[in-house]
Amino acid sequence: MEARTSLASEEVLQAAKRFFVRRTGIYAAFIEQESPMHITMRGQGGEEAVIGVMPAPGGTSVRGSTYMFDQQIARFFATLPPAPAPAPDALPPGDAPADDSATVAA
Protein backbone atom coordinates (compact mmCIF):
# COMPACT_ATOMS: atom_id res chain seq x y z
CA MET A 1 0.00 0.00 0.00
CA GLU A 2 1.13 3.53 -0.65
CA ALA A 3 -0.04 7.04 0.23
CA ARG A 4 1.27 10.62 0.09
CA THR A 5 0.99 13.02 3.01
CA SER A 6 1.90 16.59 3.83
CA LEU A 7 3.65 15.43 7.03
CA ALA A 8 7.43 15.20 7.24
CA SER A 9 8.97 11.71 7.31
CA GLU A 10 9.75 11.77 11.04
CA GLU A 11 6.18 12.91 11.82
CA VAL A 12 4.76 9.97 9.84
CA LEU A 13 6.91 7.46 11.73
CA GLN A 14 5.95 8.97 15.10
CA ALA A 15 2.28 8.82 14.11
CA ALA A 16 2.67 5.16 13.08
CA LYS A 17 4.24 4.29 16.43
CA ARG A 18 1.37 5.93 18.32
CA PHE A 19 -1.28 4.36 16.08
CA PHE A 20 -0.07 0.76 16.22
CA VAL A 21 1.04 0.61 19.86
CA ARG A 22 -2.34 1.75 21.15
CA ARG A 23 -4.27 -0.94 19.23
CA THR A 24 -5.64 -3.67 21.49
CA GLY A 25 -5.76 -7.44 21.23
CA ILE A 26 -4.55 -9.10 18.08
CA TYR A 27 -4.13 -5.78 16.24
CA ALA A 28 -1.46 -4.33 18.54
CA ALA A 29 2.05 -4.11 17.12
CA PHE A 30 5.25 -3.16 18.85
CA ILE A 31 8.39 -1.57 17.46
CA GLU A 32 11.12 -4.05 16.59
CA GLN A 33 13.45 -1.99 14.37
CA GLU A 34 13.57 1.63 13.29
CA SER A 35 15.61 4.06 11.26
CA PRO A 36 14.94 7.59 9.95
CA MET A 37 13.28 5.96 6.91
CA HIS A 38 11.26 3.05 8.37
CA ILE A 39 9.85 1.18 11.33
CA THR A 40 9.32 -2.55 11.60
CA MET A 41 6.69 -3.76 14.04
CA ARG A 42 5.72 -7.19 15.33
CA GLY A 43 2.20 -8.13 16.23
CA GLN A 44 0.13 -11.15 17.20
CA GLY A 45 1.86 -14.43 16.37
CA GLY A 46 5.00 -12.65 15.15
CA GLU A 47 3.24 -10.93 12.23
CA GLU A 48 5.41 -8.17 10.77
CA ALA A 49 4.29 -4.77 9.54
CA VAL A 50 6.67 -2.25 7.96
CA ILE A 51 6.09 1.45 7.35
CA GLY A 52 8.63 3.17 5.09
CA VAL A 53 8.89 6.85 4.21
CA MET A 54 10.59 8.84 1.49
CA PRO A 55 10.51 12.58 0.73
CA ALA A 56 8.22 13.42 -2.19
CA PRO A 57 7.09 16.66 -3.84
CA GLY A 58 4.86 18.49 -1.35
CA GLY A 59 5.37 16.02 1.48
CA THR A 60 6.22 12.39 2.06
CA SER A 61 5.55 9.15 0.25
CA VAL A 62 4.53 6.43 2.73
CA ARG A 63 4.54 2.70 2.03
CA GLY A 64 3.17 -0.05 4.19
CA SER A 65 3.91 -3.74 3.87
CA THR A 66 2.42 -6.65 5.78
CA TYR A 67 0.88 -10.05 5.34
CA MET A 68 -2.04 -9.81 7.75
CA PHE A 69 -2.33 -6.16 8.91
CA ASP A 70 -3.57 -4.70 5.61
CA GLN A 71 -6.72 -3.26 7.15
CA GLN A 72 -4.80 -1.64 10.00
CA ILE A 73 -2.26 -0.09 7.62
CA ALA A 74 -5.11 1.26 5.46
CA ARG A 75 -6.71 2.75 8.60
CA PHE A 76 -3.40 4.34 9.57
CA PHE A 77 -3.03 5.84 6.08
CA ALA A 78 -6.54 7.31 6.42
CA THR A 79 -5.37 9.28 9.48
CA LEU A 80 -2.60 11.06 7.52
CA PRO A 81 -3.31 14.51 6.07
CA PRO A 82 -3.10 14.35 2.26
CA ALA A 83 -0.26 15.96 0.36
CA PRO A 84 -1.15 18.73 -2.07
CA ALA A 85 -1.36 17.67 -5.69
CA PRO A 86 2.01 18.13 -7.39
CA ALA A 87 2.39 20.99 -9.85
CA PRO A 88 2.12 19.78 -13.46
CA ASP A 89 5.73 20.82 -14.13
CA ALA A 90 6.90 18.55 -11.25
CA LEU A 91 5.51 15.45 -12.96
CA PRO A 92 7.35 13.25 -15.46
CA PRO A 93 6.30 13.84 -19.10
CA GLY A 94 2.98 12.20 -19.93
CA ASP A 95 1.73 11.95 -16.33
CA ALA A 96 -1.42 13.83 -15.38
CA PRO A 97 -1.97 15.15 -11.86
CA ALA A 98 -4.02 12.80 -9.68
CA ASP A 99 -7.53 13.89 -8.74
CA ASP A 100 -7.02 12.79 -5.12
CA SER A 101 -3.44 12.60 -3.85
CA ALA A 102 -4.59 10.93 -0.60
CA THR A 103 -5.80 7.83 -2.42
CA VAL A 104 -4.30 4.66 -1.02
CA ALA A 105 -2.95 2.29 -3.65
CA ALA A 106 -2.96 -1.42 -2.89
PDB file of N, CA and C in Angstrom:
ATOM      1  N   MET A   1       0.842  -1.170   0.000  1.00  0.00           N
ATOM      2  CA  MET A   1       0.000   0.000   0.000  1.00  0.00           C
ATOM      3  C   MET A   1       0.890   1.237   0.000  1.00  0.00           C
ATOM      4  N   GLU A   2       0.371   2.281  -0.577  1.00  0.00           N
ATOM      5  CA  GLU A   2       1.134   3.530  -0.646  1.00  0.00           C
ATOM      6  C   GLU A   2       0.202   4.731  -0.526  1.00  0.00           C
ATOM      7  N   ALA A   3       0.705   5.787   0.103  1.00  0.00           N
ATOM      8  CA  ALA A   3      -0.040   7.041   0.229  1.00  0.00           C
ATOM      9  C   ALA A   3       0.961   8.189   0.223  1.00  0.00           C
ATOM     10  N   ARG A   4       0.458   9.403  -0.011  1.00  0.00           N
ATOM     11  CA  ARG A   4       1.274  10.617   0.094  1.00  0.00           C
ATOM     12  C   ARG A   4       0.638  11.520   1.136  1.00  0.00           C
ATOM     13  N   THR A   5       1.485  12.146   1.949  1.00  0.00           N
ATOM     14  CA  THR A   5       0.991  13.015   3.008  1.00  0.00           C
ATOM     15  C   THR A   5       1.800  14.299   3.065  1.00  0.00           C
ATOM     16  N   SER A   6       1.208  15.322   3.662  1.00  0.00           N
ATOM     17  CA  SER A   6       1.901  16.594   3.829  1.00  0.00           C
ATOM     18  C   SER A   6       2.840  16.567   5.035  1.00  0.00           C
ATOM     19  N   LEU A   7       2.774  15.536   5.858  1.00  0.00           N
ATOM     20  CA  LEU A   7       3.651  15.431   7.026  1.00  0.00           C
ATOM     21  C   LEU A   7       5.086  15.141   6.610  1.00  0.00           C
ATOM     22  N   ALA A   8       6.027  15.546   7.444  1.00  0.00           N
ATOM     23  CA  ALA A   8       7.434  15.196   7.242  1.00  0.00           C
ATOM     24  C   ALA A   8       7.634  13.721   7.595  1.00  0.00           C
ATOM     25  N   SER A   9       8.695  13.131   7.085  1.00  0.00           N
ATOM     26  CA  SER A   9       8.973  11.709   7.309  1.00  0.00           C
ATOM     27  C   SER A   9       8.970  11.334   8.783  1.00  0.00           C
ATOM     28  N   GLU A  10       9.670  12.115   9.616  1.00  0.00           N
ATOM     29  CA  GLU A  10       9.748  11.773  11.040  1.00  0.00           C
ATOM     30  C   GLU A  10       8.385  11.875  11.713  1.00  0.00           C
ATOM     31  N   GLU A  11       7.529  12.789  11.259  1.00  0.00           N
ATOM     32  CA  GLU A  11       6.179  12.906  11.822  1.00  0.00           C
ATOM     33  C   GLU A  11       5.336  11.683  11.475  1.00  0.00           C
ATOM     34  N   VAL A  12       5.501  11.165  10.260  1.00  0.00           N
ATOM     35  CA  VAL A  12       4.764   9.967   9.840  1.00  0.00           C
ATOM     36  C   VAL A  12       5.162   8.783  10.715  1.00  0.00           C
ATOM     37  N   LEU A  13       6.451   8.600  10.931  1.00  0.00           N
ATOM     38  CA  LEU A  13       6.909   7.464  11.734  1.00  0.00           C
ATOM     39  C   LEU A  13       6.446   7.581  13.180  1.00  0.00           C
ATOM     40  N   GLN A  14       6.461   8.779  13.738  1.00  0.00           N
ATOM     41  CA  GLN A  14       5.953   8.975  15.102  1.00  0.00           C
ATOM     42  C   GLN A  14       4.459   8.657  15.167  1.00  0.00           C
ATOM     43  N   ALA A  15       3.722   9.102  14.159  1.00  0.00           N
ATOM     44  CA  ALA A  15       2.282   8.823  14.114  1.00  0.00           C
ATOM     45  C   ALA A  15       2.025   7.317  14.008  1.00  0.00           C
ATOM     46  N   ALA A  16       2.828   6.619  13.222  1.00  0.00           N
ATOM     47  CA  ALA A  16       2.672   5.163  13.077  1.00  0.00           C
ATOM     48  C   ALA A  16       2.922   4.466  14.411  1.00  0.00           C
ATOM     49  N   LYS A  17       3.957   4.895  15.119  1.00  0.00           N
ATOM     50  CA  LYS A  17       4.244   4.290  16.432  1.00  0.00           C
ATOM     51  C   LYS A  17       3.056   4.461  17.369  1.00  0.00           C
ATOM     52  N   ARG A  18       2.518   5.676  17.431  1.00  0.00           N
ATOM     53  CA  ARG A  18       1.372   5.928  18.317  1.00  0.00           C
ATOM     54  C   ARG A  18       0.154   5.100  17.891  1.00  0.00           C
ATOM     55  N   PHE A  19      -0.103   5.056  16.596  1.00  0.00           N
ATOM     56  CA  PHE A  19      -1.277   4.360  16.078  1.00  0.00           C
ATOM     57  C   PHE A  19      -1.225   2.864  16.384  1.00  0.00           C
ATOM     58  N   PHE A  20      -0.127   2.206  16.083  1.00  0.00           N
ATOM     59  CA  PHE A  20      -0.068   0.757  16.217  1.00  0.00           C
ATOM     60  C   PHE A  20       0.114   0.289  17.657  1.00  0.00           C
ATOM     61  N   VAL A  21       0.830   1.028  18.469  1.00  0.00           N
ATOM     62  CA  VAL A  21       1.041   0.607  19.856  1.00  0.00           C
ATOM     63  C   VAL A  21      -0.249   0.688  20.660  1.00  0.00           C
ATOM     64  N   ARG A  22      -1.123   1.616  20.340  1.00  0.00           N
ATOM     65  CA  ARG A  22      -2.342   1.751  21.149  1.00  0.00           C
ATOM     66  C   ARG A  22      -3.471   0.836  20.695  1.00  0.00           C
ATOM     67  N   ARG A  23      -3.279   0.066  19.637  1.00  0.00           N
ATOM     68  CA  ARG A  23      -4.274  -0.941  19.234  1.00  0.00           C
ATOM     69  C   ARG A  23      -4.368  -1.982  20.342  1.00  0.00           C
ATOM     70  N   THR A  24      -5.486  -2.654  20.450  1.00  0.00           N
ATOM     71  CA  THR A  24      -5.637  -3.669  21.490  1.00  0.00           C
ATOM     72  C   THR A  24      -5.791  -5.048  20.866  1.00  0.00           C
ATOM     73  N   GLY A  25      -5.563  -6.058  21.669  1.00  0.00           N
ATOM     74  CA  GLY A  25      -5.758  -7.435  21.232  1.00  0.00           C
ATOM     75  C   GLY A  25      -4.834  -7.836  20.108  1.00  0.00           C
ATOM     76  N   ILE A  26      -5.373  -8.549  19.153  1.00  0.00           N
ATOM     77  CA  ILE A  26      -4.555  -9.105  18.076  1.00  0.00           C
ATOM     78  C   ILE A  26      -4.050  -8.057  17.095  1.00  0.00           C
ATOM     79  N   TYR A  27      -4.540  -6.817  17.182  1.00  0.00           N
ATOM     80  CA  TYR A  27      -4.126  -5.780  16.244  1.00  0.00           C
ATOM     81  C   TYR A  27      -3.038  -4.866  16.785  1.00  0.00           C
ATOM     82  N   ALA A  28      -2.568  -5.116  17.994  1.00  0.00           N
ATOM     83  CA  ALA A  28      -1.460  -4.327  18.537  1.00  0.00           C
ATOM     84  C   ALA A  28      -0.164  -4.765  17.867  1.00  0.00           C
ATOM     85  N   ALA A  29       0.731  -3.824  17.683  1.00  0.00           N
ATOM     86  CA  ALA A  29       2.049  -4.114  17.117  1.00  0.00           C
ATOM     87  C   ALA A  29       3.064  -3.264  17.860  1.00  0.00           C
ATOM     88  N   PHE A  30       4.237  -3.828  18.063  1.00  0.00           N
ATOM     89  CA  PHE A  30       5.254  -3.160  18.850  1.00  0.00           C
ATOM     90  C   PHE A  30       6.533  -3.009  18.036  1.00  0.00           C
ATOM     91  N   ILE A  31       7.212  -1.907  18.229  1.00  0.00           N
ATOM     92  CA  ILE A  31       8.395  -1.569  17.457  1.00  0.00           C
ATOM     93  C   ILE A  31       9.483  -2.628  17.660  1.00  0.00           C
ATOM     94  N   GLU A  32      10.018  -3.098  16.547  1.00  0.00           N
ATOM     95  CA  GLU A  32      11.120  -4.050  16.588  1.00  0.00           C
ATOM     96  C   GLU A  32      12.406  -3.408  16.068  1.00  0.00           C
ATOM     97  N   GLN A  33      12.309  -2.677  14.964  1.00  0.00           N
ATOM     98  CA  GLN A  33      13.450  -1.985  14.370  1.00  0.00           C
ATOM     99  C   GLN A  33      12.983  -0.624  13.903  1.00  0.00           C
ATOM    100  N   GLU A  34      13.923   0.334  13.861  1.00  0.00           N
ATOM    101  CA  GLU A  34      13.566   1.629  13.293  1.00  0.00           C
ATOM    102  C   GLU A  34      14.807   2.338  12.789  1.00  0.00           C
ATOM    103  N   SER A  35      14.590   3.188  11.816  1.00  0.00           N
ATOM    104  CA  SER A  35      15.612   4.063  11.255  1.00  0.00           C
ATOM    105  C   SER A  35      14.904   5.356  10.875  1.00  0.00           C
ATOM    106  N   PRO A  36      15.618   6.351  10.386  1.00  0.00           N
ATOM    107  CA  PRO A  36      14.945   7.586   9.953  1.00  0.00           C
ATOM    108  C   PRO A  36      14.003   7.377   8.759  1.00  0.00           C
ATOM    109  N   MET A  37      14.087   6.214   8.104  1.00  0.00           N
ATOM    110  CA  MET A  37      13.276   5.963   6.915  1.00  0.00           C
ATOM    111  C   MET A  37      12.248   4.838   7.069  1.00  0.00           C
ATOM    112  N   HIS A  38      12.230   4.142   8.221  1.00  0.00           N
ATOM    113  CA  HIS A  38      11.261   3.050   8.366  1.00  0.00           C
ATOM    114  C   HIS A  38      11.081   2.658   9.829  1.00  0.00           C
ATOM    115  N   ILE A  39      10.007   1.915  10.073  1.00  0.00           N
ATOM    116  CA  ILE A  39       9.852   1.182  11.327  1.00  0.00           C
ATOM    117  C   ILE A  39       9.334  -0.211  10.976  1.00  0.00           C
ATOM    118  N   THR A  40       9.804  -1.183  11.725  1.00  0.00           N
ATOM    119  CA  THR A  40       9.322  -2.553  11.603  1.00  0.00           C
ATOM    120  C   THR A  40       8.662  -2.896  12.926  1.00  0.00           C
ATOM    121  N   MET A  41       7.455  -3.420  12.842  1.00  0.00           N
ATOM    122  CA  MET A  41       6.694  -3.756  14.042  1.00  0.00           C
ATOM    123  C   MET A  41       6.319  -5.228  14.006  1.00  0.00           C
ATOM    124  N   ARG A  42       6.173  -5.808  15.193  1.00  0.00           N
ATOM    125  CA  ARG A  42       5.717  -7.191  15.329  1.00  0.00           C
ATOM    126  C   ARG A  42       4.401  -7.190  16.075  1.00  0.00           C
ATOM    127  N   GLY A  43       3.495  -8.022  15.599  1.00  0.00           N
ATOM    128  CA  GLY A  43       2.196  -8.134  16.227  1.00  0.00           C
ATOM    129  C   GLY A  43       1.900  -9.553  16.637  1.00  0.00           C
ATOM    130  N   GLN A  44       0.627  -9.842  16.785  1.00  0.00           N
ATOM    131  CA  GLN A  44       0.134 -11.152  17.203  1.00  0.00           C
ATOM    132  C   GLN A  44       0.773 -12.264  16.383  1.00  0.00           C
ATOM    133  N   GLY A  45       1.297 -13.271  17.056  1.00  0.00           N
ATOM    134  CA  GLY A  45       1.862 -14.427  16.369  1.00  0.00           C
ATOM    135  C   GLY A  45       3.125 -14.118  15.583  1.00  0.00           C
ATOM    136  N   GLY A  46       3.767 -12.996  15.854  1.00  0.00           N
ATOM    137  CA  GLY A  46       5.001 -12.650  15.152  1.00  0.00           C
ATOM    138  C   GLY A  46       4.779 -11.962  13.819  1.00  0.00           C
ATOM    139  N   GLU A  47       3.533 -11.611  13.497  1.00  0.00           N
ATOM    140  CA  GLU A  47       3.242 -10.932  12.230  1.00  0.00           C
ATOM    141  C   GLU A  47       4.014  -9.625  12.138  1.00  0.00           C
ATOM    142  N   GLU A  48       4.609  -9.375  10.987  1.00  0.00           N
ATOM    143  CA  GLU A  48       5.412  -8.173  10.770  1.00  0.00           C
ATOM    144  C   GLU A  48       4.641  -7.139   9.950  1.00  0.00           C
ATOM    145  N   ALA A  49       4.818  -5.897  10.317  1.00  0.00           N
ATOM    146  CA  ALA A  49       4.294  -4.767   9.542  1.00  0.00           C
ATOM    147  C   ALA A  49       5.422  -3.760   9.415  1.00  0.00           C
ATOM    148  N   VAL A  50       5.602  -3.215   8.223  1.00  0.00           N
ATOM    149  CA  VAL A  50       6.668  -2.254   7.963  1.00  0.00           C
ATOM    150  C   VAL A  50       6.057  -0.992   7.383  1.00  0.00           C
ATOM    151  N   ILE A  51       6.465   0.155   7.903  1.00  0.00           N
ATOM    152  CA  ILE A  51       6.093   1.455   7.350  1.00  0.00           C
ATOM    153  C   ILE A  51       7.386   2.121   6.907  1.00  0.00           C
ATOM    154  N   GLY A  52       7.466   2.486   5.635  1.00  0.00           N
ATOM    155  CA  GLY A  52       8.632   3.172   5.091  1.00  0.00           C
ATOM    156  C   GLY A  52       8.232   4.538   4.569  1.00  0.00           C
ATOM    157  N   VAL A  53       9.157   5.487   4.662  1.00  0.00           N
ATOM    158  CA  VAL A  53       8.886   6.850   4.214  1.00  0.00           C
ATOM    159  C   VAL A  53      10.000   7.333   3.293  1.00  0.00           C
ATOM    160  N   MET A  54       9.633   8.248   2.399  1.00  0.00           N
ATOM    161  CA  MET A  54      10.591   8.845   1.488  1.00  0.00           C
ATOM    162  C   MET A  54      10.083  10.235   1.110  1.00  0.00           C
ATOM    163  N   PRO A  55      10.949  11.249   1.145  1.00  0.00           N
ATOM    164  CA  PRO A  55      10.505  12.583   0.733  1.00  0.00           C
ATOM    165  C   PRO A  55       9.928  12.551  -0.685  1.00  0.00           C
ATOM    166  N   ALA A  56       8.880  13.325  -0.881  1.00  0.00           N
ATOM    167  CA  ALA A  56       8.223  13.422  -2.186  1.00  0.00           C
ATOM    168  C   ALA A  56       7.805  14.872  -2.389  1.00  0.00           C
ATOM    169  N   PRO A  57       7.543  15.283  -3.620  1.00  0.00           N
ATOM    170  CA  PRO A  57       7.095  16.665  -3.845  1.00  0.00           C
ATOM    171  C   PRO A  57       5.873  16.993  -2.987  1.00  0.00           C
ATOM    172  N   GLY A  58       5.970  18.048  -2.180  1.00  0.00           N
ATOM    173  CA  GLY A  58       4.857  18.489  -1.353  1.00  0.00           C
ATOM    174  C   GLY A  58       4.660  17.713  -0.072  1.00  0.00           C
ATOM    175  N   GLY A  59       5.555  16.774   0.250  1.00  0.00           N
ATOM    176  CA  GLY A  59       5.373  16.020   1.482  1.00  0.00           C
ATOM    177  C   GLY A  59       6.204  14.762   1.525  1.00  0.00           C
ATOM    178  N   THR A  60       5.539  13.667   1.859  1.00  0.00           N
ATOM    179  CA  THR A  60       6.217  12.390   2.065  1.00  0.00           C
ATOM    180  C   THR A  60       5.427  11.271   1.415  1.00  0.00           C
ATOM    181  N   SER A  61       6.141  10.375   0.761  1.00  0.00           N
ATOM    182  CA  SER A  61       5.550   9.150   0.247  1.00  0.00           C
ATOM    183  C   SER A  61       5.670   8.101   1.342  1.00  0.00           C
ATOM    184  N   VAL A  62       4.571   7.412   1.635  1.00  0.00           N
ATOM    185  CA  VAL A  62       4.530   6.432   2.725  1.00  0.00           C
ATOM    186  C   VAL A  62       4.122   5.089   2.131  1.00  0.00           C
ATOM    187  N   ARG A  63       4.881   4.053   2.472  1.00  0.00           N
ATOM    188  CA  ARG A  63       4.541   2.701   2.027  1.00  0.00           C
ATOM    189  C   ARG A  63       4.369   1.807   3.237  1.00  0.00           C
ATOM    190  N   GLY A  64       3.417   0.917   3.137  1.00  0.00           N
ATOM    191  CA  GLY A  64       3.172  -0.053   4.190  1.00  0.00           C
ATOM    192  C   GLY A  64       3.201  -1.449   3.608  1.00  0.00           C
ATOM    193  N   SER A  65       3.809  -2.371   4.326  1.00  0.00           N
ATOM    194  CA  SER A  65       3.911  -3.742   3.866  1.00  0.00           C
ATOM    195  C   SER A  65       3.608  -4.686   5.022  1.00  0.00           C
ATOM    196  N   THR A  66       2.790  -5.674   4.768  1.00  0.00           N
ATOM    197  CA  THR A  66       2.419  -6.646   5.785  1.00  0.00           C
ATOM    198  C   THR A  66       1.740  -7.823   5.112  1.00  0.00           C
ATOM    199  N   TYR A  67       1.620  -8.901   5.837  1.00  0.00           N
ATOM    200  CA  TYR A  67       0.884 -10.055   5.339  1.00  0.00           C
ATOM    201  C   TYR A  67      -0.543 -10.057   5.869  1.00  0.00           C
ATOM    202  N   MET A  68      -0.719  -9.709   7.151  1.00  0.00           N
ATOM    203  CA  MET A  68      -2.039  -9.810   7.753  1.00  0.00           C
ATOM    204  C   MET A  68      -2.631  -8.490   8.237  1.00  0.00           C
ATOM    205  N   PHE A  69      -1.847  -7.419   8.341  1.00  0.00           N
ATOM    206  CA  PHE A  69      -2.329  -6.163   8.908  1.00  0.00           C
ATOM    207  C   PHE A  69      -2.746  -5.151   7.846  1.00  0.00           C
ATOM    208  N   ASP A  70      -3.185  -5.611   6.694  1.00  0.00           N
ATOM    209  CA  ASP A  70      -3.570  -4.695   5.607  1.00  0.00           C
ATOM    210  C   ASP A  70      -4.622  -3.689   6.044  1.00  0.00           C
ATOM    211  N   GLN A  71      -5.645  -4.153   6.734  1.00  0.00           N
ATOM    212  CA  GLN A  71      -6.719  -3.256   7.146  1.00  0.00           C
ATOM    213  C   GLN A  71      -6.208  -2.201   8.131  1.00  0.00           C
ATOM    214  N   GLN A  72      -5.329  -2.598   9.038  1.00  0.00           N
ATOM    215  CA  GLN A  72      -4.800  -1.645  10.004  1.00  0.00           C
ATOM    216  C   GLN A  72      -3.895  -0.617   9.327  1.00  0.00           C
ATOM    217  N   ILE A  73      -3.104  -1.049   8.348  1.00  0.00           N
ATOM    218  CA  ILE A  73      -2.264  -0.087   7.618  1.00  0.00           C
ATOM    219  C   ILE A  73      -3.144   0.875   6.827  1.00  0.00           C
ATOM    220  N   ALA A  74      -4.195   0.375   6.197  1.00  0.00           N
ATOM    221  CA  ALA A  74      -5.114   1.257   5.464  1.00  0.00           C
ATOM    222  C   ALA A  74      -5.763   2.261   6.417  1.00  0.00           C
ATOM    223  N   ARG A  75      -6.133   1.825   7.616  1.00  0.00           N
ATOM    224  CA  ARG A  75      -6.713   2.750   8.602  1.00  0.00           C
ATOM    225  C   ARG A  75      -5.700   3.800   9.037  1.00  0.00           C
ATOM    226  N   PHE A  76      -4.446   3.382   9.221  1.00  0.00           N
ATOM    227  CA  PHE A  76      -3.401   4.344   9.574  1.00  0.00           C
ATOM    228  C   PHE A  76      -3.241   5.374   8.453  1.00  0.00           C
ATOM    229  N   PHE A  77      -3.170   4.918   7.216  1.00  0.00           N
ATOM    230  CA  PHE A  77      -3.028   5.845   6.083  1.00  0.00           C
ATOM    231  C   PHE A  77      -4.176   6.849   6.053  1.00  0.00           C
ATOM    232  N   ALA A  78      -5.377   6.410   6.428  1.00  0.00           N
ATOM    233  CA  ALA A  78      -6.545   7.308   6.425  1.00  0.00           C
ATOM    234  C   ALA A  78      -6.416   8.419   7.467  1.00  0.00           C
ATOM    235  N   THR A  79      -5.555   8.241   8.470  1.00  0.00           N
ATOM    236  CA  THR A  79      -5.373   9.283   9.481  1.00  0.00           C
ATOM    237  C   THR A  79      -4.380  10.356   9.044  1.00  0.00           C
ATOM    238  N   LEU A  80      -3.634  10.113   7.977  1.00  0.00           N
ATOM    239  CA  LEU A  80      -2.603  11.060   7.524  1.00  0.00           C
ATOM    240  C   LEU A  80      -3.219  12.174   6.686  1.00  0.00           C
ATOM    241  N   PRO A  81      -2.809  13.427   6.918  1.00  0.00           N
ATOM    242  CA  PRO A  81      -3.309  14.510   6.070  1.00  0.00           C
ATOM    243  C   PRO A  81      -2.755  14.349   4.650  1.00  0.00           C
ATOM    244  N   PRO A  82      -3.573  14.547   3.634  1.00  0.00           N
ATOM    245  CA  PRO A  82      -3.095  14.351   2.260  1.00  0.00           C
ATOM    246  C   PRO A  82      -2.075  15.404   1.856  1.00  0.00           C
ATOM    247  N   ALA A  83      -1.215  15.017   0.940  1.00  0.00           N
ATOM    248  CA  ALA A  83      -0.260  15.959   0.364  1.00  0.00           C
ATOM    249  C   ALA A  83      -0.969  16.746  -0.728  1.00  0.00           C
ATOM    250  N   PRO A  84      -0.556  17.983  -0.960  1.00  0.00           N
ATOM    251  CA  PRO A  84      -1.150  18.728  -2.066  1.00  0.00           C
ATOM    252  C   PRO A  84      -0.780  18.065  -3.392  1.00  0.00           C
ATOM    253  N   ALA A  85      -1.649  18.216  -4.360  1.00  0.00           N
ATOM    254  CA  ALA A  85      -1.364  17.668  -5.691  1.00  0.00           C
ATOM    255  C   ALA A  85      -0.105  18.328  -6.235  1.00  0.00           C
ATOM    256  N   PRO A  86       0.791  17.541  -6.850  1.00  0.00           N
ATOM    257  CA  PRO A  86       2.010  18.128  -7.392  1.00  0.00           C
ATOM    258  C   PRO A  86       1.703  19.061  -8.562  1.00  0.00           C
ATOM    259  N   ALA A  87       2.527  20.082  -8.709  1.00  0.00           N
ATOM    260  CA  ALA A  87       2.386  20.994  -9.845  1.00  0.00           C
ATOM    261  C   ALA A  87       2.647  20.214 -11.126  1.00  0.00           C
ATOM    262  N   PRO A  88       1.940  20.528 -12.209  1.00  0.00           N
ATOM    263  CA  PRO A  88       2.123  19.782 -13.458  1.00  0.00           C
ATOM    264  C   PRO A  88       3.576  19.758 -13.932  1.00  0.00           C
ATOM    265  N   ASP A  89       4.344  20.817 -13.673  1.00  0.00           N
ATOM    266  CA  ASP A  89       5.734  20.819 -14.132  1.00  0.00           C
ATOM    267  C   ASP A  89       6.629  19.942 -13.257  1.00  0.00           C
ATOM    268  N   ALA A  90       6.126  19.432 -12.109  1.00  0.00           N
ATOM    269  CA  ALA A  90       6.901  18.546 -11.248  1.00  0.00           C
ATOM    270  C   ALA A  90       6.704  17.083 -11.614  1.00  0.00           C
ATOM    271  N   LEU A  91       5.801  16.813 -12.559  1.00  0.00           N
ATOM    272  CA  LEU A  91       5.507  15.448 -12.964  1.00  0.00           C
ATOM    273  C   LEU A  91       6.352  15.035 -14.158  1.00  0.00           C
ATOM    274  N   PRO A  92       6.656  13.737 -14.267  1.00  0.00           N
ATOM    275  CA  PRO A  92       7.350  13.253 -15.464  1.00  0.00           C
ATOM    276  C   PRO A  92       6.479  13.480 -16.696  1.00  0.00           C
ATOM    277  N   PRO A  93       7.086  13.632 -17.878  1.00  0.00           N
ATOM    278  CA  PRO A  93       6.301  13.843 -19.102  1.00  0.00           C
ATOM    279  C   PRO A  93       5.261  12.744 -19.290  1.00  0.00           C
ATOM    280  N   GLY A  94       4.054  13.147 -19.664  1.00  0.00           N
ATOM    281  CA  GLY A  94       2.979  12.198 -19.927  1.00  0.00           C
ATOM    282  C   GLY A  94       2.124  11.855 -18.727  1.00  0.00           C
ATOM    283  N   ASP A  95       2.541  12.236 -17.517  1.00  0.00           N
ATOM    284  CA  ASP A  95       1.730  11.952 -16.326  1.00  0.00           C
ATOM    285  C   ASP A  95       0.794  13.120 -16.053  1.00  0.00           C
ATOM    286  N   ALA A  96      -0.433  12.800 -15.738  1.00  0.00           N
ATOM    287  CA  ALA A  96      -1.416  13.830 -15.382  1.00  0.00           C
ATOM    288  C   ALA A  96      -1.505  13.895 -13.871  1.00  0.00           C
ATOM    289  N   PRO A  97      -1.816  15.065 -13.316  1.00  0.00           N
ATOM    290  CA  PRO A  97      -1.971  15.146 -11.856  1.00  0.00           C
ATOM    291  C   PRO A  97      -3.124  14.266 -11.400  1.00  0.00           C
ATOM    292  N   ALA A  98      -2.964  13.648 -10.240  1.00  0.00           N
ATOM    293  CA  ALA A  98      -4.017  12.803  -9.682  1.00  0.00           C
ATOM    294  C   ALA A  98      -5.149  13.664  -9.155  1.00  0.00           C
ATOM    295  N   ASP A  99      -6.379  13.155  -9.255  1.00  0.00           N
ATOM    296  CA  ASP A  99      -7.534  13.892  -8.741  1.00  0.00           C
ATOM    297  C   ASP A  99      -7.517  13.927  -7.225  1.00  0.00           C
ATOM    298  N   ASP A 100      -7.020  12.862  -6.575  1.00  0.00           N
ATOM    299  CA  ASP A 100      -7.022  12.793  -5.120  1.00  0.00           C
ATOM    300  C   ASP A 100      -5.694  12.216  -4.671  1.00  0.00           C
ATOM    301  N   SER A 101      -4.782  13.061  -4.221  1.00  0.00           N
ATOM    302  CA  SER A 101      -3.445  12.600  -3.848  1.00  0.00           C
ATOM    303  C   SER A 101      -3.435  11.774  -2.583  1.00  0.00           C
ATOM    304  N   ALA A 102      -4.535  11.724  -1.831  1.00  0.00           N
ATOM    305  CA  ALA A 102      -4.587  10.935  -0.603  1.00  0.00           C
ATOM    306  C   ALA A 102      -5.041   9.502  -0.855  1.00  0.00           C
ATOM    307  N   THR A 103      -5.322   9.163  -2.104  1.00  0.00           N
ATOM    308  CA  THR A 103      -5.798   7.826  -2.420  1.00  0.00           C
ATOM    309  C   THR A 103      -4.765   6.791  -2.053  1.00  0.00           C
ATOM    310  N   VAL A 104      -5.187   5.737  -1.408  1.00  0.00           N
ATOM    311  CA  VAL A 104      -4.305   4.665  -1.023  1.00  0.00           C
ATOM    312  C   VAL A 104      -4.290   3.645  -2.144  1.00  0.00           C
ATOM    313  N   ALA A 105      -3.095   3.305  -2.604  1.00  0.00           N
ATOM    314  CA  ALA A 105      -2.947   2.290  -3.652  1.00  0.00           C
ATOM    315  C   ALA A 105      -2.606   0.967  -3.005  1.00  0.00           C
ATOM    316  N   ALA A 106      -3.248  -0.086  -3.448  1.00  0.00           N
ATOM    317  CA  ALA A 106      -2.961  -1.416  -2.892  1.00  0.00           C
ATOM    318  C   ALA A 106      -1.950  -2.129  -3.745  1.00  0.00           C
TER     319      ALA A 106
END
